[in-house]
Amino acid sequence: LNIVMYVAIICKKLLGASRALAEGQENYQVDTSMMLGDFKEHGENLNSLGQGISRAVAERMKSEHLKTELITNVSHDIKTPLTSIINYADLICEETMRNKEEDQRPEGQSDSEGGVRNEEANSCKDARIQEYAEVLLRQSRRLKKLLEDLVEASKATTGNLEVDLKPCEVGVLLSQA
């Protein structure tokens, strides 16, 4: 009877330890001081399993933190030249618009047909340059938005994203989804 009671108590301790580990209590330690033989070995294995889980969780958290930091640093390094590209594309657009407005002002008639053709060629060239600059500006802004979304997604996966609850319209949310 004593042996049966001993085995039952030991099995209950081991079962409790395995449940605690299964529930995520990686720091749970089973007392193996009163255990003998295979029971003691099993208890120590459960204890080392908990320590292994703790190490794995810590390494995973460190890895996630490093990943987020890398994404943030890379996107910041990309955003700096991208901002310059956006600003210069915007300046090109403004400059071609200003040139277009200046070309449309009547300053006098051209004496030769060559002068009129030259102005038309410059006007077409400015229109193409403006179109290219607008495409460059639009795509640069899109790339900047994608980088910002990447940083936000990275923060969201690691739980570093602050969320403010606000009321919304369900119909709009469903149509966007």
C-alpha atoms as a PDB file:
ATOM      1  CA  LEU A   1       0.000   0.000   0.000  1.00  0.00           C
ATOM      2  CA  ASN A   2       2.870   2.361   0.819  1.00  0.00           C
ATOM      3  CA  ILE A   3       4.487   1.711  -2.552  1.00  0.00           C
ATOM      4  CA  VAL A   4       1.214   2.317  -4.380  1.00  0.00           C
ATOM      5  CA  MET A   5       0.697   5.592  -2.467  1.00  0.00           C
ATOM      6  CA  TYR A   6       4.303   6.664  -3.226  1.00  0.00           C
ATOM      7  CA  VAL A   7       3.865   5.967  -6.947  1.00  0.00           C
ATOM      8  CA  ALA A   8       0.495   7.771  -6.999  1.00  0.00           C
ATOM      9  CA  ILE A   9       1.939  10.903  -5.289  1.00  0.00           C
ATOM     10  CA  ILE A  10       4.983  10.965  -7.585  1.00  0.00           C
ATOM     11  CA  CYS A  11       2.812  10.511 -10.686  1.00  0.00           C
ATOM     12  CA  LYS A  12       0.547  13.343  -9.524  1.00  0.00           C
ATOM     13  CA  LYS A  13       3.578  15.655  -9.066  1.00  0.00           C
ATOM     14  CA  LEU A  14       4.925  14.757 -12.511  1.00  0.00           C
ATOM     15  CA  LEU A  15       1.498  15.217 -14.097  1.00  0.00           C
ATOM     16  CA  GLY A  16       1.145  18.621 -12.403  1.00  0.00           C
ATOM     17  CA  ALA A  17       4.581  19.663 -13.676  1.00  0.00           C
ATOM     18  CA  SER A  18       3.795  18.591 -17.242  1.00  0.00           C
ATOM     19  CA  ARG A  19       0.459  20.478 -17.150  1.00  0.00           C
ATOM     20  CA  ALA A  20       2.187  23.608 -15.831  1.00  0.00           C
ATOM     21  CA  LEU A  21       4.741  23.420 -18.651  1.00  0.00           C
ATOM     22  CA  ALA A  22       1.991  22.811 -21.213  1.00  0.00           C
ATOM     23  CA  GLU A  23       0.186  25.935 -19.970  1.00  0.00           C
ATOM     24  CA  GLY A  24       3.312  28.021 -20.560  1.00  0.00           C
ATOM     25  CA  GLN A  25       4.776  28.202 -17.056  1.00  0.00           C
ATOM     26  CA  GLU A  26       8.321  27.618 -18.251  1.00  0.00           C
ATOM     27  CA  ASN A  27       9.812  28.499 -14.815  1.00  0.00           C
ATOM     28  CA  TYR A  28       7.863  25.737 -13.053  1.00  0.00           C
ATOM     29  CA  GLN A  29      10.154  23.311 -11.215  1.00  0.00           C
ATOM     30  CA  VAL A  30       9.092  19.920  -9.891  1.00  0.00           C
ATOM     31  CA  ASP A  31      10.599  18.866  -6.536  1.00  0.00           C
ATOM     32  CA  THR A  32      12.668  15.737  -7.264  1.00  0.00           C
ATOM     33  CA  SER A  33      14.294  15.435  -3.842  1.00  0.00           C
ATOM     34  CA  MET A  34      11.961  12.617  -2.694  1.00  0.00           C
ATOM     35  CA  MET A  35      11.861  10.813  -6.041  1.00  0.00           C
ATOM     36  CA  LEU A  36      13.785   7.672  -6.895  1.00  0.00           C
ATOM     37  CA  GLY A  37      15.051   6.051 -10.094  1.00  0.00           C
ATOM     38  CA  ASP A  38      13.118   6.693 -13.284  1.00  0.00           C
ATOM     39  CA  PHE A  39      10.713   9.052 -11.510  1.00  0.00           C
ATOM     40  CA  LYS A  40      13.601  11.320 -10.485  1.00  0.00           C
ATOM     41  CA  GLU A  41      15.050  11.206 -14.001  1.00  0.00           C
ATOM     42  CA  HIS A  42      11.652  12.075 -15.487  1.00  0.00           C
ATOM     43  CA  GLY A  43      11.233  14.975 -13.032  1.00  0.00           C
ATOM     44  CA  GLU A  44      14.677  16.351 -13.879  1.00  0.00           C
ATOM     45  CA  ASN A  45      13.876  16.021 -17.583  1.00  0.00           C
ATOM     46  CA  LEU A  46      10.718  18.085 -17.051  1.00  0.00           C
ATOM     47  CA  ASN A  47      12.746  20.709 -15.153  1.00  0.00           C
ATOM     48  CA  SER A  48      15.336  20.933 -17.926  1.00  0.00           C
ATOM     49  CA  LEU A  49      12.529  21.069 -20.493  1.00  0.00           C
ATOM     50  CA  GLY A  50      11.176  24.163 -18.745  1.00  0.00           C
ATOM     51  CA  GLN A  51      14.625  25.757 -18.805  1.00  0.00           C
ATOM     52  CA  GLY A  52      14.967  24.923 -22.497  1.00  0.00           C
ATOM     53  CA  ILE A  53      11.613  26.532 -23.207  1.00  0.00           C
ATOM     54  CA  SER A  54      12.699  29.646 -21.284  1.00  0.00           C
ATOM     55  CA  ARG A  55      15.904  29.875 -23.326  1.00  0.00           C
ATOM     56  CA  ALA A  56      14.038  29.363 -26.592  1.00  0.00           C
ATOM     57  CA  VAL A  57      11.501  32.065 -25.728  1.00  0.00           C
ATOM     58  CA  ALA A  58      14.279  34.486 -24.751  1.00  0.00           C
ATOM     59  CA  GLU A  59      16.168  33.787 -27.984  1.00  0.00           C
ATOM     60  CA  ARG A  60      12.995  34.194 -30.028  1.00  0.00           C
ATOM     61  CA  MET A  61      12.241  37.527 -28.377  1.00  0.00           C
ATOM     62  CA  LYS A  62      15.801  38.697 -29.012  1.00  0.00           C
ATOM     63  CA  SER A  63      15.549  37.586 -32.638  1.00  0.00           C
ATOM     64  CA  GLU A  64      12.230  39.402 -33.111  1.00  0.00           C
ATOM     65  CA  HIS A  65      13.679  42.536 -31.534  1.00  0.00           C
ATOM     66  CA  LEU A  66      16.725  42.408 -33.814  1.00  0.00           C
ATOM     67  CA  LYS A  67      14.502  41.840 -36.856  1.00  0.00           C
ATOM     68  CA  THR A  68      12.353  44.833 -35.977  1.00  0.00           C
ATOM     69  CA  GLU A  69      15.431  46.956 -35.358  1.00  0.00           C
ATOM     70  CA  LEU A  70      16.920  45.888 -38.699  1.00  0.00           C
ATOM     71  CA  ILE A  71      13.729  46.677 -40.600  1.00  0.00           C
ATOM     72  CA  THR A  72      13.471  50.057 -38.865  1.00  0.00           C
ATOM     73  CA  ASN A  73      17.105  50.944 -39.592  1.00  0.00           C
ATOM     74  CA  VAL A  74      16.995  49.787 -43.218  1.00  0.00           C
ATOM     75  CA  SER A  75      13.741  51.593 -43.929  1.00  0.00           C
ATOM     76  CA  HIS A  76      15.112  54.753 -42.293  1.00  0.00           C
ATOM     77  CA  ASP A  77      18.257  54.491 -44.432  1.00  0.00           C
ATOM     78  CA  ILE A  78      16.116  54.053 -47.552  1.00  0.00           C
ATOM     79  CA  LYS A  79      13.720  56.864 -46.609  1.00  0.00           C
ATOM     80  CA  THR A  80      16.501  59.468 -46.458  1.00  0.00           C
ATOM     81  CA  PRO A  81      17.501  59.286 -50.149  1.00  0.00           C
ATOM     82  CA  LEU A  82      13.881  58.635 -51.099  1.00  0.00           C
ATOM     83  CA  THR A  83      12.880  61.947 -49.520  1.00  0.00           C
ATOM     84  CA  SER A  84      15.523  63.680 -51.638  1.00  0.00           C
ATOM     85  CA  ILE A  85      14.206  61.961 -54.771  1.00  0.00           C
ATOM     86  CA  ILE A  86      10.656  63.072 -53.938  1.00  0.00           C
ATOM     87  CA  ASN A  87      11.781  66.651 -53.305  1.00  0.00           C
ATOM     88  CA  TYR A  88      13.788  66.865 -56.534  1.00  0.00           C
ATOM     89  CA  ALA A  89      10.985  65.294 -58.586  1.00  0.00           C
ATOM     90  CA  ASP A  90       8.614  67.842 -57.061  1.00  0.00           C
ATOM     91  CA  LEU A  91      11.032  70.656 -57.978  1.00  0.00           C
ATOM     92  CA  ILE A  92      11.259  69.344 -61.561  1.00  0.00           C
ATOM     93  CA  CYS A  93       7.449  69.325 -61.802  1.00  0.00           C
ATOM     94  CA  GLU A  94       7.261  72.883 -60.482  1.00  0.00           C
ATOM     95  CA  GLU A  95      10.050  74.050 -62.794  1.00  0.00           C
ATOM     96  CA  THR A  96       8.435  72.552 -65.907  1.00  0.00           C
ATOM     97  CA  MET A  97       5.087  74.103 -64.902  1.00  0.00           C
ATOM     98  CA  ARG A  98       6.800  77.477 -64.457  1.00  0.00           C
ATOM     99  CA  ASN A  99       8.542  77.138 -67.851  1.00  0.00           C
ATOM    100  CA  LYS A 100       5.241  76.160 -69.447  1.00  0.00           C
ATOM    101  CA  GLU A 101       3.537  79.245 -67.996  1.00  0.00           C
ATOM    102  CA  GLU A 102       6.402  81.468 -69.180  1.00  0.00           C
ATOM    103  CA  ASP A 103       6.227  79.971 -72.689  1.00  0.00           C
ATOM    104  CA  GLN A 104       2.498  80.675 -72.889  1.00  0.00           C
ATOM    105  CA  ARG A 105       2.940  84.409 -72.161  1.00  0.00           C
ATOM    106  CA  PRO A 106       2.748  86.514 -75.304  1.00  0.00           C
ATOM    107  CA  GLU A 107       6.106  88.278 -75.693  1.00  0.00           C
ATOM    108  CA  GLY A 108       5.923  89.037 -79.353  1.00  0.00           C
ATOM    109  CA  GLN A 109       5.587  87.154 -82.541  1.00  0.00           C
ATOM    110  CA  SER A 110       8.380  85.095 -83.960  1.00  0.00           C
ATOM    111  CA  ASP A 111       9.758  86.298 -87.256  1.00  0.00           C
ATOM    112  CA  SER A 112      10.613  82.929 -88.679  1.00  0.00           C
ATOM    113  CA  GLU A 113       8.906  79.564 -88.767  1.00  0.00           C
ATOM    114  CA  GLY A 114      11.997  77.980 -87.224  1.00  0.00           C
ATOM    115  CA  GLY A 115      11.438  79.971 -84.014  1.00  0.00           C
ATOM    116  CA  VAL A 116       7.856  78.727 -83.725  1.00  0.00           C
ATOM    117  CA  ARG A 117       8.909  75.110 -84.316  1.00  0.00           C
ATOM    118  CA  ASN A 118      11.689  75.468 -81.758  1.00  0.00           C
ATOM    119  CA  GLU A 119       9.204  76.710 -79.134  1.00  0.00           C
ATOM    120  CA  GLU A 120       6.861  73.794 -79.929  1.00  0.00           C
ATOM    121  CA  ALA A 121       9.750  71.313 -79.585  1.00  0.00           C
ATOM    122  CA  ASN A 122      10.712  72.816 -76.218  1.00  0.00           C
ATOM    123  CA  SER A 123       7.069  72.696 -75.134  1.00  0.00           C
ATOM    124  CA  CYS A 124       6.816  68.991 -76.068  1.00  0.00           C
ATOM    125  CA  LYS A 125      10.127  68.293 -74.358  1.00  0.00           C
ATOM    126  CA  ASP A 126       8.945  70.101 -71.195  1.00  0.00           C
ATOM    127  CA  ALA A 127       5.660  68.158 -71.267  1.00  0.00           C
ATOM    128  CA  ARG A 128       7.536  64.862 -71.455  1.00  0.00           C
ATOM    129  CA  ILE A 129       9.915  65.913 -68.687  1.00  0.00           C
ATOM    130  CA  GLN A 130       6.949  66.945 -66.561  1.00  0.00           C
ATOM    131  CA  GLU A 131       5.231  63.605 -67.246  1.00  0.00           C
ATOM    132  CA  TYR A 132       8.393  61.708 -66.286  1.00  0.00           C
ATOM    133  CA  ALA A 133       8.782  63.797 -63.138  1.00  0.00           C
ATOM    134  CA  GLU A 134       5.156  63.150 -62.166  1.00  0.00           C
ATOM    135  CA  VAL A 135       5.630  59.397 -62.601  1.00  0.00           C
ATOM    136  CA  LEU A 136       8.855  59.563 -60.603  1.00  0.00           C
ATOM    137  CA  LEU A 137       7.131  61.565 -57.864  1.00  0.00           C
ATOM    138  CA  ARG A 138       4.108  59.254 -57.743  1.00  0.00           C
ATOM    139  CA  GLN A 139       6.189  56.070 -57.604  1.00  0.00           C
ATOM    140  CA  SER A 140       8.566  57.558 -55.009  1.00  0.00           C
ATOM    141  CA  ARG A 141       5.657  58.459 -52.773  1.00  0.00           C
ATOM    142  CA  ARG A 142       4.260  54.959 -53.227  1.00  0.00           C
ATOM    143  CA  LEU A 143       7.614  53.452 -52.248  1.00  0.00           C
ATOM    144  CA  LYS A 144       7.761  55.703 -49.186  1.00  0.00           C
ATOM    145  CA  LYS A 145       4.267  54.552 -48.159  1.00  0.00           C
ATOM    146  CA  LEU A 146       5.295  50.902 -48.624  1.00  0.00           C
ATOM    147  CA  LEU A 147       8.314  51.467 -46.367  1.00  0.00           C
ATOM    148  CA  GLU A 148       6.117  53.030 -43.701  1.00  0.00           C
ATOM    149  CA  ASP A 149       3.711  50.090 -43.963  1.00  0.00           C
ATOM    150  CA  LEU A 150       6.638  47.672 -43.627  1.00  0.00           C
ATOM    151  CA  VAL A 151       7.736  49.356 -40.396  1.00  0.00           C
ATOM    152  CA  GLU A 152       4.165  49.297 -39.061  1.00  0.00           C
ATOM    153  CA  ALA A 153       3.774  45.599 -39.941  1.00  0.00           C
ATOM    154  CA  SER A 154       7.067  44.818 -38.255  1.00  0.00           C
ATOM    155  CA  LYS A 155       5.964  46.644 -35.123  1.00  0.00           C
ATOM    156  CA  ALA A 156       2.620  44.849 -35.187  1.00  0.00           C
ATOM    157  CA  THR A 157       4.196  41.385 -35.360  1.00  0.00           C
ATOM    158  CA  THR A 158       6.338  42.087 -32.302  1.00  0.00           C
ATOM    159  CA  GLY A 159       3.576  43.768 -30.327  1.00  0.00           C
ATOM    160  CA  ASN A 160       5.295  47.172 -30.322  1.00  0.00           C
ATOM    161  CA  LEU A 161       2.447  48.868 -32.159  1.00  0.00           C
ATOM    162  CA  GLU A 162       0.273  51.190 -30.126  1.00  0.00           C
ATOM    163  CA  VAL A 163      -3.392  50.748 -30.962  1.00  0.00           C
ATOM    164  CA  ASP A 164      -6.079  53.304 -30.198  1.00  0.00           C
ATOM    165  CA  LEU A 165      -9.621  51.970 -30.153  1.00  0.00           C
ATOM    166  CA  LYS A 166     -12.029  54.240 -32.010  1.00  0.00           C
ATOM    167  CA  PRO A 167     -15.546  53.742 -33.295  1.00  0.00           C
ATOM    168  CA  CYS A 168     -15.864  52.828 -36.961  1.00  0.00           C
ATOM    169  CA  GLU A 169     -18.531  52.047 -39.503  1.00  0.00           C
ATOM    170  CA  VAL A 170     -18.818  48.309 -40.080  1.00  0.00           C
ATOM    171  CA  GLY A 171     -20.003  48.752 -43.664  1.00  0.00           C
ATOM    172  CA  VAL A 172     -16.902  50.749 -44.605  1.00  0.00           C
ATOM    173  CA  LEU A 173     -14.667  48.225 -42.844  1.00  0.00           C
ATOM    174  CA  LEU A 174     -16.284  45.321 -44.719  1.00  0.00           C
ATOM    175  CA  SER A 175     -16.045  47.069 -48.079  1.00  0.00           C
ATOM    176  CA  GLN A 176     -12.337  47.729 -47.479  1.00  0.00           C
ATOM    177  CA  ALA A 177     -11.785  44.126 -46.475  1.00  0.00           C
END
